[in-house]
């Protein structure tokens, strides 16, 4: 084959390929396809995806802020509640203290003599152990020192039978009475150990002033009330001279 024929064949082949591509593009154009429009659509989708990703990130940040705010609100509420509880407890303690000192200045029943103002029973580390706290008081109008002893016993039941145990049987050290000496008030404290099987019911306290200050007075307090197990506040169940 001569060089001229080869050149013509090459040109013909190029023309055939060009004609084929033109026919392909014409077909795509007639079918509504545009390469430029395709590129524009791809770019638009990319921008949309970017905007949506940014929106999602902003929503995540807002959610994190809301979650943190809720946690802060819960912590703030808990602190406020704790503070309120502490203030209420402090207020109650102050009211009780005020009532106590008011009783020294002017007793509610008008009696100004020596008395048992309150009795409380609390637990100790031992299983059957208790601590007994007694507050003795006299009105400030007396303005004199009183002295004497306190004898106490615990009444209850054991094996279905009534029983009364004195301080010597409950203290563990053999002491049978507690000494007092004060002008306005004094707190006495004594640890008690109850025998196994003994169920306490009442506390009997006998206040014996030193002669010639007065006659002994016996007070009876409910054990459960003294422990704070019911609605009573260690009130006096009975007083006997």
C-alpha atoms as a PDB file:
ATOM      1  CA  UNK A   1       0.000   0.000   0.000  1.00  0.00           C
ATOM      2  CA  UNK A   2       1.411   3.432  -0.934  1.00  0.00           C
ATOM      3  CA  UNK A   3       1.998   6.228   1.558  1.00  0.00           C
ATOM      4  CA  UNK A   4      -0.861   8.272   0.065  1.00  0.00           C
ATOM      5  CA  UNK A   5      -3.359   5.535   0.524  1.00  0.00           C
ATOM      6  CA  UNK A   6      -2.241   5.017   4.100  1.00  0.00           C
ATOM      7  CA  UNK A   7      -2.685   8.720   4.857  1.00  0.00           C
ATOM      8  CA  UNK A   8      -6.138   8.735   3.308  1.00  0.00           C
ATOM      9  CA  UNK A   9      -7.083   5.693   5.356  1.00  0.00           C
ATOM     10  CA  UNK A  10      -5.950   7.400   8.551  1.00  0.00           C
ATOM     11  CA  UNK A  11      -7.865  10.564   7.753  1.00  0.00           C
ATOM     12  CA  UNK A  12     -10.954   8.501   6.978  1.00  0.00           C
ATOM     13  CA  UNK A  13     -10.657   6.701  10.299  1.00  0.00           C
ATOM     14  CA  UNK A  14     -10.398  10.003  12.181  1.00  0.00           C
ATOM     15  CA  UNK A  15     -13.414  11.350  10.323  1.00  0.00           C
ATOM     16  CA  UNK A  16     -15.390   8.225  11.174  1.00  0.00           C
ATOM     17  CA  UNK A  17     -14.541   8.574  14.882  1.00  0.00           C
ATOM     18  CA  UNK A  18     -15.367  12.282  14.886  1.00  0.00           C
ATOM     19  CA  UNK A  19     -18.646  11.611  13.114  1.00  0.00           C
ATOM     20  CA  UNK A  20     -19.459   8.894  15.671  1.00  0.00           C
ATOM     21  CA  UNK A  21     -18.774  11.235  18.660  1.00  0.00           C
ATOM     22  CA  UNK A  22     -20.860  13.995  17.057  1.00  0.00           C
ATOM     23  CA  UNK A  23     -23.685  11.539  16.533  1.00  0.00           C
ATOM     24  CA  UNK A  24     -23.326  10.423  20.263  1.00  0.00           C
ATOM     25  CA  UNK A  25     -23.378  14.018  21.563  1.00  0.00           C
ATOM     26  CA  UNK A  26     -26.308  14.846  19.282  1.00  0.00           C
ATOM     27  CA  UNK A  27     -28.184  11.882  20.672  1.00  0.00           C
ATOM     28  CA  UNK A  28     -27.491  12.905  24.296  1.00  0.00           C
ATOM     29  CA  UNK A  29     -28.512  16.494  23.533  1.00  0.00           C
ATOM     30  CA  UNK A  30     -31.728  15.330  21.908  1.00  0.00           C
ATOM     31  CA  UNK A  31     -32.360  13.140  24.968  1.00  0.00           C
ATOM     32  CA  UNK A  32     -32.070  16.216  27.255  1.00  0.00           C
ATOM     33  CA  UNK A  33     -28.584  15.472  28.639  1.00  0.00           C
ATOM     34  CA  UNK A  34     -26.166  18.350  29.045  1.00  0.00           C
ATOM     35  CA  UNK A  35     -22.645  17.917  30.415  1.00  0.00           C
ATOM     36  CA  UNK A  36     -22.689  21.490  31.708  1.00  0.00           C
ATOM     37  CA  UNK A  37     -26.011  20.957  33.452  1.00  0.00           C
ATOM     38  CA  UNK A  38     -24.686  17.718  34.915  1.00  0.00           C
ATOM     39  CA  UNK A  39     -21.703  19.493  36.383  1.00  0.00           C
ATOM     40  CA  UNK A  40     -23.956  22.225  37.764  1.00  0.00           C
ATOM     41  CA  UNK A  41     -26.217  19.620  39.369  1.00  0.00           C
ATOM     42  CA  UNK A  42     -23.240  17.856  40.934  1.00  0.00           C
ATOM     43  CA  UNK A  43     -21.994  21.166  42.338  1.00  0.00           C
ATOM     44  CA  UNK A  44     -25.461  21.999  43.669  1.00  0.00           C
ATOM     45  CA  UNK A  45     -25.681  18.621  45.428  1.00  0.00           C
ATOM     46  CA  UNK A  46     -22.246  19.134  46.941  1.00  0.00           C
ATOM     47  CA  UNK A  47     -23.284  22.560  48.295  1.00  0.00           C
ATOM     48  CA  UNK A  48     -26.508  21.083  49.668  1.00  0.00           C
ATOM     49  CA  UNK A  49     -24.631  18.275  51.400  1.00  0.00           C
ATOM     50  CA  UNK A  50     -22.194  20.810  52.894  1.00  0.00           C
ATOM     51  CA  UNK A  51     -25.082  22.958  54.186  1.00  0.00           C
ATOM     52  CA  UNK A  52     -26.820  19.937  55.697  1.00  0.00           C
ATOM     53  CA  UNK A  53     -23.605  18.813  57.368  1.00  0.00           C
ATOM     54  CA  UNK A  54     -23.195  22.300  58.853  1.00  0.00           C
ATOM     55  CA  UNK A  55     -26.806  22.253  60.058  1.00  0.00           C
ATOM     56  CA  UNK A  56     -26.285  18.844  61.686  1.00  0.00           C
ATOM     57  CA  UNK A  57     -23.153  20.118  63.437  1.00  0.00           C
ATOM     58  CA  UNK A  58     -25.020  23.174  64.759  1.00  0.00           C
ATOM     59  CA  UNK A  59     -27.850  20.972  66.017  1.00  0.00           C
ATOM     60  CA  UNK A  60     -25.332  18.746  67.795  1.00  0.00           C
ATOM     61  CA  UNK A  61     -23.794  21.775  69.512  1.00  0.00           C
ATOM     62  CA  UNK A  62     -27.241  23.021  70.556  1.00  0.00           C
ATOM     63  CA  UNK A  63     -28.121  19.570  71.899  1.00  0.00           C
ATOM     64  CA  UNK A  64     -24.893  19.491  73.899  1.00  0.00           C
ATOM     65  CA  UNK A  65     -25.676  22.957  75.316  1.00  0.00           C
ATOM     66  CA  UNK A  66     -29.220  21.906  76.254  1.00  0.00           C
ATOM     67  CA  UNK A  67     -27.974  18.678  77.889  1.00  0.00           C
ATOM     68  CA  UNK A  68     -25.319  20.572  79.856  1.00  0.00           C
ATOM     69  CA  UNK A  69     -27.888  23.189  80.879  1.00  0.00           C
ATOM     70  CA  UNK A  70     -30.229  20.483  82.170  1.00  0.00           C
ATOM     71  CA  UNK A  71     -27.410  18.894  84.180  1.00  0.00           C
ATOM     72  CA  UNK A  72     -26.502  22.305  85.618  1.00  0.00           C
ATOM     73  CA  UNK A  73     -30.171  22.936  86.446  1.00  0.00           C
ATOM     74  CA  UNK A  74     -30.423  19.586  88.225  1.00  0.00           C
ATOM     75  CA  UNK A  75     -27.235  20.248  90.191  1.00  0.00           C
ATOM     76  CA  UNK A  76     -28.419  23.761  91.060  1.00  0.00           C
ATOM     77  CA  UNK A  77     -31.794  22.453  92.196  1.00  0.00           C
ATOM     78  CA  UNK A  78     -30.105  19.753  94.294  1.00  0.00           C
ATOM     79  CA  UNK A  79     -27.855  22.345  95.962  1.00  0.00           C
ATOM     80  CA  UNK A  80     -30.795  24.651  96.615  1.00  0.00           C
ATOM     81  CA  UNK A  81     -32.778  21.754  98.079  1.00  0.00           C
ATOM     82  CA  UNK A  82     -29.873  20.759 100.332  1.00  0.00           C
ATOM     83  CA  UNK A  83     -29.424  24.356 101.467  1.00  0.00           C
ATOM     84  CA  UNK A  84     -33.147  24.672 102.159  1.00  0.00           C
ATOM     85  CA  UNK A  85     -33.153  21.442 104.162  1.00  0.00           C
ATOM     86  CA  UNK A  86     -30.147  22.608 106.178  1.00  0.00           C
ATOM     87  CA  UNK A  87     -31.773  25.982 106.830  1.00  0.00           C
ATOM     88  CA  UNK A  88     -35.023  24.329 107.939  1.00  0.00           C
ATOM     89  CA  UNK A  89     -33.092  22.058 110.313  1.00  0.00           C
ATOM     90  CA  UNK A  90     -31.160  25.048 111.660  1.00  0.00           C
ATOM     91  CA  UNK A  91     -34.368  27.013 112.098  1.00  0.00           C
ATOM     92  CA  UNK A  92     -35.971  24.143 113.978  1.00  0.00           C
ATOM     93  CA  UNK A  93     -32.934  23.840 116.221  1.00  0.00           C
ATOM     94  CA  UNK A  94     -33.026  27.571 116.920  1.00  0.00           C
ATOM     95  CA  UNK A  95     -36.734  27.416 117.711  1.00  0.00           C
ATOM     96  CA  UNK A  96     -36.122  24.533 120.111  1.00  0.00           C
ATOM     97  CA  UNK A  97     -33.250  26.431 121.721  1.00  0.00           C
ATOM     98  CA  UNK A  98     -35.434  29.526 122.018  1.00  0.00           C
ATOM     99  CA  UNK A  99     -38.208  27.495 123.645  1.00  0.00           C
ATOM    100  CA  UNK A 100     -35.644  26.019 126.014  1.00  0.00           C
ATOM    101  CA  UNK A 101     -34.358  29.391 127.194  1.00  0.00           C
ATOM    102  CA  UNK A 102     -37.875  30.800 127.300  1.00  0.00           C
ATOM    103  CA  UNK A 103     -38.701  27.954 129.693  1.00  0.00           C
ATOM    104  CA  UNK A 104     -35.857  29.089 131.945  1.00  0.00           C
ATOM    105  CA  UNK A 105     -37.096  32.676 132.008  1.00  0.00           C
ATOM    106  CA  UNK A 106     -40.810  31.945 132.227  1.00  0.00           C
ATOM    107  CA  UNK A 107     -42.066  28.341 132.409  1.00  0.00           C
ATOM    108  CA  UNK A 108     -45.242  27.698 130.408  1.00  0.00           C
ATOM    109  CA  UNK A 109     -46.994  26.098 133.397  1.00  0.00           C
ATOM    110  CA  UNK A 110     -45.971  28.881 135.757  1.00  0.00           C
ATOM    111  CA  UNK A 111     -43.995  26.518 138.001  1.00  0.00           C
ATOM    112  CA  UNK A 112     -40.579  27.886 138.890  1.00  0.00           C
ATOM    113  CA  UNK A 113     -39.157  24.970 140.863  1.00  0.00           C
ATOM    114  CA  UNK A 114     -36.672  22.291 139.906  1.00  0.00           C
ATOM    115  CA  UNK A 115     -37.887  20.018 137.126  1.00  0.00           C
ATOM    116  CA  UNK A 116     -36.892  17.537 134.425  1.00  0.00           C
ATOM    117  CA  UNK A 117     -37.163  19.593 131.242  1.00  0.00           C
ATOM    118  CA  UNK A 118     -36.479  16.835 128.707  1.00  0.00           C
ATOM    119  CA  UNK A 119     -35.330  13.244 128.308  1.00  0.00           C
ATOM    120  CA  UNK A 120     -33.800  11.731 125.174  1.00  0.00           C
ATOM    121  CA  UNK A 121     -32.589   8.214 124.422  1.00  0.00           C
ATOM    122  CA  UNK A 122     -30.118   7.538 121.616  1.00  0.00           C
ATOM    123  CA  UNK A 123     -28.229   4.472 120.361  1.00  0.00           C
ATOM    124  CA  UNK A 124     -24.588   3.630 121.059  1.00  0.00           C
ATOM    125  CA  UNK A 125     -22.122   1.398 119.245  1.00  0.00           C
ATOM    126  CA  UNK A 126     -23.124  -1.695 121.224  1.00  0.00           C
ATOM    127  CA  UNK A 127     -26.152  -3.727 120.181  1.00  0.00           C
ATOM    128  CA  UNK A 128     -28.133  -3.275 123.408  1.00  0.00           C
ATOM    129  CA  UNK A 129     -26.519   0.005 124.414  1.00  0.00           C
ATOM    130  CA  UNK A 130     -28.209   3.386 124.741  1.00  0.00           C
ATOM    131  CA  UNK A 131     -27.256   6.824 125.944  1.00  0.00           C
ATOM    132  CA  UNK A 132     -29.738   8.607 128.203  1.00  0.00           C
ATOM    133  CA  UNK A 133     -29.685  12.432 128.185  1.00  0.00           C
ATOM    134  CA  UNK A 134     -31.556  14.338 130.884  1.00  0.00           C
ATOM    135  CA  UNK A 135     -31.929  18.119 131.154  1.00  0.00           C
ATOM    136  CA  UNK A 136     -32.757  19.561 134.582  1.00  0.00           C
ATOM    137  CA  UNK A 137     -34.006  23.136 134.842  1.00  0.00           C
ATOM    138  CA  UNK A 138     -35.349  25.763 137.166  1.00  0.00           C
ATOM    139  CA  UNK A 139     -36.699  29.201 136.322  1.00  0.00           C
ATOM    140  CA  UNK A 140     -34.277  32.110 136.304  1.00  0.00           C
ATOM    141  CA  UNK A 141     -36.401  33.787 138.969  1.00  0.00           C
ATOM    142  CA  UNK A 142     -35.059  31.303 141.528  1.00  0.00           C
ATOM    143  CA  UNK A 143     -31.505  32.642 141.131  1.00  0.00           C
ATOM    144  CA  UNK A 144     -30.085  30.080 143.530  1.00  0.00           C
ATOM    145  CA  UNK A 145     -27.929  27.024 143.145  1.00  0.00           C
ATOM    146  CA  UNK A 146     -29.596  23.655 143.598  1.00  0.00           C
ATOM    147  CA  UNK A 147     -27.835  20.386 144.311  1.00  0.00           C
ATOM    148  CA  UNK A 148     -28.872  16.800 144.712  1.00  0.00           C
ATOM    149  CA  UNK A 149     -28.983  13.440 142.984  1.00  0.00           C
ATOM    150  CA  UNK A 150     -31.036  11.794 140.262  1.00  0.00           C
ATOM    151  CA  UNK A 151     -32.096   8.188 140.575  1.00  0.00           C
ATOM    152  CA  UNK A 152     -33.498   6.461 137.555  1.00  0.00           C
ATOM    153  CA  UNK A 153     -34.893   3.122 136.524  1.00  0.00           C
ATOM    154  CA  UNK A 154     -36.316   1.582 133.344  1.00  0.00           C
ATOM    155  CA  UNK A 155     -39.619  -0.262 133.499  1.00  0.00           C
ATOM    156  CA  UNK A 156     -40.441  -2.905 130.916  1.00  0.00           C
ATOM    157  CA  UNK A 157     -41.192  -6.560 130.282  1.00  0.00           C
ATOM    158  CA  UNK A 158     -39.085  -9.692 130.027  1.00  0.00           C
ATOM    159  CA  UNK A 159     -40.478 -13.113 129.141  1.00  0.00           C
ATOM    160  CA  UNK A 160     -43.981 -11.654 129.394  1.00  0.00           C
ATOM    161  CA  UNK A 161     -43.544 -10.416 132.966  1.00  0.00           C
ATOM    162  CA  UNK A 162     -43.265  -6.809 134.152  1.00  0.00           C
ATOM    163  CA  UNK A 163     -39.807  -5.835 135.390  1.00  0.00           C
ATOM    164  CA  UNK A 164     -38.074  -2.686 136.585  1.00  0.00           C
ATOM    165  CA  UNK A 165     -34.279  -2.269 136.416  1.00  0.00           C
ATOM    166  CA  UNK A 166     -32.380   0.371 138.375  1.00  0.00           C
ATOM    167  CA  UNK A 167     -29.368   2.339 137.222  1.00  0.00           C
ATOM    168  CA  UNK A 168     -27.005   0.002 139.069  1.00  0.00           C
ATOM    169  CA  UNK A 169     -28.265  -2.874 136.888  1.00  0.00           C
ATOM    170  CA  UNK A 170     -28.051  -0.878 133.663  1.00  0.00           C
ATOM    171  CA  UNK A 171     -24.960   1.304 133.950  1.00  0.00           C
ATOM    172  CA  UNK A 172     -22.347  -1.438 134.034  1.00  0.00           C
ATOM    173  CA  UNK A 173     -20.260   0.475 136.608  1.00  0.00           C
ATOM    174  CA  UNK A 174     -22.473  -0.130 139.623  1.00  0.00           C
ATOM    175  CA  UNK A 175     -23.467   3.510 140.137  1.00  0.00           C
ATOM    176  CA  UNK A 176     -27.009   3.955 141.403  1.00  0.00           C
ATOM    177  CA  UNK A 177     -27.502   7.719 141.033  1.00  0.00           C
ATOM    178  CA  UNK A 178     -26.301  10.823 139.197  1.00  0.00           C
ATOM    179  CA  UNK A 179     -25.263  14.004 140.977  1.00  0.00           C
ATOM    180  CA  UNK A 180     -26.352  17.460 139.846  1.00  0.00           C
ATOM    181  CA  UNK A 181     -25.570  21.020 140.863  1.00  0.00           C
ATOM    182  CA  UNK A 182     -26.560  24.113 138.890  1.00  0.00           C
ATOM    183  CA  UNK A 183     -28.296  27.487 139.004  1.00  0.00           C
ATOM    184  CA  UNK A 184     -30.449  27.540 135.845  1.00  0.00           C
ATOM    185  CA  UNK A 185     -30.057  24.222 134.002  1.00  0.00           C
ATOM    186  CA  UNK A 186     -27.784  21.199 133.633  1.00  0.00           C
ATOM    187  CA  UNK A 187     -27.533  18.277 131.243  1.00  0.00           C
ATOM    188  CA  UNK A 188     -26.823  14.785 132.542  1.00  0.00           C
ATOM    189  CA  UNK A 189     -25.727  11.891 130.349  1.00  0.00           C
ATOM    190  CA  UNK A 190     -25.557   8.200 131.179  1.00  0.00           C
ATOM    191  CA  UNK A 191     -24.931   5.087 129.089  1.00  0.00           C
ATOM    192  CA  UNK A 192     -27.272   2.146 129.636  1.00  0.00           C
ATOM    193  CA  UNK A 193     -27.014  -1.478 128.552  1.00  0.00           C
ATOM    194  CA  UNK A 194     -30.294  -3.386 128.487  1.00  0.00           C
ATOM    195  CA  UNK A 195     -30.318  -7.124 129.221  1.00  0.00           C
ATOM    196  CA  UNK A 196     -31.139  -9.495 126.366  1.00  0.00           C
ATOM    197  CA  UNK A 197     -34.869 -10.132 126.186  1.00  0.00           C
ATOM    198  CA  UNK A 198     -35.780  -7.018 128.156  1.00  0.00           C
ATOM    199  CA  UNK A 199     -38.171  -4.668 126.316  1.00  0.00           C
ATOM    200  CA  UNK A 200     -38.206  -1.139 127.821  1.00  0.00           C
ATOM    201  CA  UNK A 201     -41.497   0.711 128.189  1.00  0.00           C
ATOM    202  CA  UNK A 202     -40.879   3.718 130.435  1.00  0.00           C
ATOM    203  CA  UNK A 203     -38.134   5.674 132.176  1.00  0.00           C
ATOM    204  CA  UNK A 204     -38.665   6.683 135.781  1.00  0.00           C
ATOM    205  CA  UNK A 205     -36.575   9.582 137.060  1.00  0.00           C
ATOM    206  CA  UNK A 206     -36.509  10.617 140.688  1.00  0.00           C
ATOM    207  CA  UNK A 207     -35.024  14.043 141.416  1.00  0.00           C
ATOM    208  CA  UNK A 208     -33.880  14.264 145.030  1.00  0.00           C
ATOM    209  CA  UNK A 209     -32.724  17.760 146.095  1.00  0.00           C
ATOM    210  CA  UNK A 210     -30.251  17.963 148.940  1.00  0.00           C
ATOM    211  CA  UNK A 211     -31.973  18.814 152.261  1.00  0.00           C
ATOM    212  CA  UNK A 212     -33.532  21.168 153.039  1.00  0.00           C
ATOM    213  CA  UNK A 213     -34.212  22.122 149.383  1.00  0.00           C
ATOM    214  CA  UNK A 214     -37.393  20.123 148.917  1.00  0.00           C
ATOM    215  CA  UNK A 215     -39.075  16.780 148.583  1.00  0.00           C
ATOM    216  CA  UNK A 216     -38.147  14.211 145.909  1.00  0.00           C
ATOM    217  CA  UNK A 217     -40.139  14.342 142.675  1.00  0.00           C
ATOM    218  CA  UNK A 218     -40.608  11.366 140.358  1.00  0.00           C
ATOM    219  CA  UNK A 219     -41.150  11.761 136.593  1.00  0.00           C
ATOM    220  CA  UNK A 220     -42.186   9.005 134.184  1.00  0.00           C
ATOM    221  CA  UNK A 221     -41.278   9.252 130.496  1.00  0.00           C
ATOM    222  CA  UNK A 222     -42.344   6.972 127.675  1.00  0.00           C
ATOM    223  CA  UNK A 223     -39.332   5.088 126.293  1.00  0.00           C
ATOM    224  CA  UNK A 224     -40.472   5.169 122.659  1.00  0.00           C
ATOM    225  CA  UNK A 225     -41.217   8.896 122.879  1.00  0.00           C
ATOM    226  CA  UNK A 226     -37.781   9.558 124.372  1.00  0.00           C
ATOM    227  CA  UNK A 227     -36.228   7.688 121.430  1.00  0.00           C
ATOM    228  CA  UNK A 228     -38.286   9.729 118.974  1.00  0.00           C
ATOM    229  CA  UNK A 229     -40.083   6.635 117.669  1.00  0.00           C
ATOM    230  CA  UNK A 230     -43.477   8.342 117.584  1.00  0.00           C
ATOM    231  CA  UNK A 231     -45.068  11.777 117.445  1.00  0.00           C
ATOM    232  CA  UNK A 232     -44.215  12.609 121.076  1.00  0.00           C
ATOM    233  CA  UNK A 233     -41.148  14.590 122.024  1.00  0.00           C
ATOM    234  CA  UNK A 234     -40.157  12.788 125.172  1.00  0.00           C
ATOM    235  CA  UNK A 235     -43.087  14.293 127.041  1.00  0.00           C
ATOM    236  CA  UNK A 236     -43.781  13.583 130.674  1.00  0.00           C
ATOM    237  CA  UNK A 237     -46.280  10.804 131.124  1.00  0.00           C
ATOM    238  CA  UNK A 238     -46.678  11.260 134.869  1.00  0.00           C
ATOM    239  CA  UNK A 239     -45.257  13.368 137.705  1.00  0.00           C
ATOM    240  CA  UNK A 240     -45.416  12.384 141.327  1.00  0.00           C
ATOM    241  CA  UNK A 241     -44.126  14.253 144.363  1.00  0.00           C
END
